[in-house]
Amino acid sequence: MNRRSFLSWLGLGVVSAVIPLPVQALITKSAPRLATLVVSPDGRGDSANIQAALDALPPEGGSIFVGEGTYLTDTTITLPDKPVKIVGTGRGRTLIEMHD
């Protein structure tokens, strides 16, 4: 799923512009400006690390799309004190595994 179809799937309306910044800025006709980051284990997204993507969101928050794959972590993922929406690709397709 590419970014445009993902954003469309989120119901954010018609994407009128996508600005390629470190934090993807989405401008839509029906929604206020939102930050959207894509996390991908193969490095094709904005980050390969969920915590790094959460930390990169602006003060007003935003959405994180976690692509299909297995994400290994040895620390707890900490949610920031701002509005955050995390979306995966589905049960059994997006996995987060904690390792000691």
Protein backbone atom coordinates (compact mmCIF):
# COMPACT_ATOMS: atom_id res chain seq x y z
CA MET A 1 0.00 0.00 0.00
CA ASN A 2 1.49 3.35 -0.96
CA ARG A 3 1.13 6.54 1.10
CA ARG A 4 -1.69 7.99 -1.00
CA SER A 5 -3.83 4.84 -0.80
CA PHE A 6 -3.06 4.54 2.93
CA LEU A 7 -4.12 8.12 3.57
CA SER A 8 -7.21 7.60 1.47
CA TRP A 9 -7.93 4.40 3.43
CA LEU A 10 -7.76 6.45 6.64
CA GLY A 11 -10.67 8.49 5.27
CA LEU A 12 -8.72 11.73 5.14
CA GLY A 13 -10.39 12.79 1.92
CA VAL A 14 -8.82 13.70 -1.36
CA VAL A 15 -5.11 14.35 -1.04
CA SER A 16 -4.40 17.65 -2.73
CA ALA A 17 -0.67 17.68 -2.00
CA VAL A 18 1.93 15.50 -0.31
CA ILE A 19 5.01 17.38 0.85
CA PRO A 20 8.12 15.18 1.23
CA LEU A 21 9.50 16.36 4.57
CA PRO A 22 11.08 14.35 7.41
CA VAL A 23 7.62 14.45 8.96
CA GLN A 24 5.21 13.91 6.06
CA ALA A 25 2.84 16.89 5.91
CA LEU A 26 -0.56 16.02 4.51
CA ILE A 27 -2.82 18.71 3.10
CA THR A 28 -6.38 17.63 2.44
CA LYS A 29 -9.59 19.35 1.47
CA SER A 30 -11.58 17.85 4.33
CA ALA A 31 -9.14 17.56 7.24
CA PRO A 32 -6.74 19.87 9.06
CA ARG A 33 -3.01 19.50 8.50
CA LEU A 34 -1.77 16.24 10.03
CA ALA A 35 1.64 14.67 10.44
CA THR A 36 1.88 11.15 9.04
CA LEU A 37 4.95 8.95 9.24
CA VAL A 38 5.47 5.55 7.65
CA VAL A 39 7.52 2.93 9.50
CA SER A 40 8.93 0.10 7.40
CA PRO A 41 11.36 -2.63 8.52
CA ASP A 42 13.14 -2.53 5.15
CA GLY A 43 13.98 1.17 5.42
CA ARG A 44 11.64 2.36 2.65
CA GLY A 45 9.53 4.45 5.05
CA ASP A 46 10.33 7.54 7.08
CA SER A 47 11.82 5.28 9.77
CA ALA A 48 12.58 1.62 10.45
CA ASN A 49 11.95 2.17 14.17
CA ILE A 50 8.53 2.74 15.78
CA GLN A 51 9.89 4.71 18.75
CA ALA A 52 11.92 6.99 16.48
CA ALA A 53 8.80 7.73 14.42
CA LEU A 54 6.77 8.51 17.56
CA ASP A 55 9.52 10.82 18.81
CA ALA A 56 9.63 12.61 15.42
CA LEU A 57 5.95 13.62 15.48
CA PRO A 58 5.36 17.36 15.97
CA PRO A 59 3.78 18.75 19.18
CA GLU A 60 0.27 18.51 17.68
CA GLY A 61 0.74 14.74 17.16
CA GLY A 62 -0.20 12.74 14.12
CA SER A 63 -0.46 9.26 12.66
CA ILE A 64 2.07 6.46 12.33
CA PHE A 65 1.50 3.75 9.72
CA VAL A 66 3.50 0.65 10.66
CA GLY A 67 4.07 -1.43 7.54
CA GLU A 68 3.96 -5.20 7.25
CA GLY A 69 6.84 -6.97 8.95
CA THR A 70 8.34 -7.92 12.28
CA TYR A 71 9.75 -5.18 14.50
CA LEU A 72 12.17 -6.27 17.22
CA THR A 73 12.65 -4.10 20.29
CA ASP A 74 14.50 -4.51 23.56
CA THR A 75 12.81 -1.55 25.25
CA THR A 76 9.24 -0.53 25.95
CA ILE A 77 7.66 1.67 23.29
CA THR A 78 6.71 4.93 25.01
CA LEU A 79 3.79 6.94 23.68
CA PRO A 80 4.39 10.70 23.65
CA ASP A 81 2.14 13.13 25.51
CA LYS A 82 0.32 14.22 22.33
CA PRO A 83 -2.45 12.79 20.14
CA VAL A 84 -1.13 9.74 18.29
CA LYS A 85 -2.79 7.20 16.03
CA ILE A 86 -0.86 4.02 15.21
CA VAL A 87 -2.14 1.81 12.37
CA GLY A 88 -0.70 -1.53 11.27
CA THR A 89 -1.44 -3.73 8.27
CA GLY A 90 -3.44 -6.29 10.23
CA ARG A 91 -3.26 -9.20 12.61
CA GLY A 92 -0.36 -11.47 11.81
CA ARG A 93 1.09 -9.00 9.28
CA THR A 94 2.48 -6.30 11.58
CA LEU A 95 4.29 -7.83 14.57
CA ILE A 96 6.14 -6.16 17.42
CA GLU A 97 8.34 -8.55 19.40
CA MET A 98 10.03 -7.73 22.70
CA HIS A 99 13.45 -9.29 23.23
CA ASP A 100 15.29 -9.41 26.54
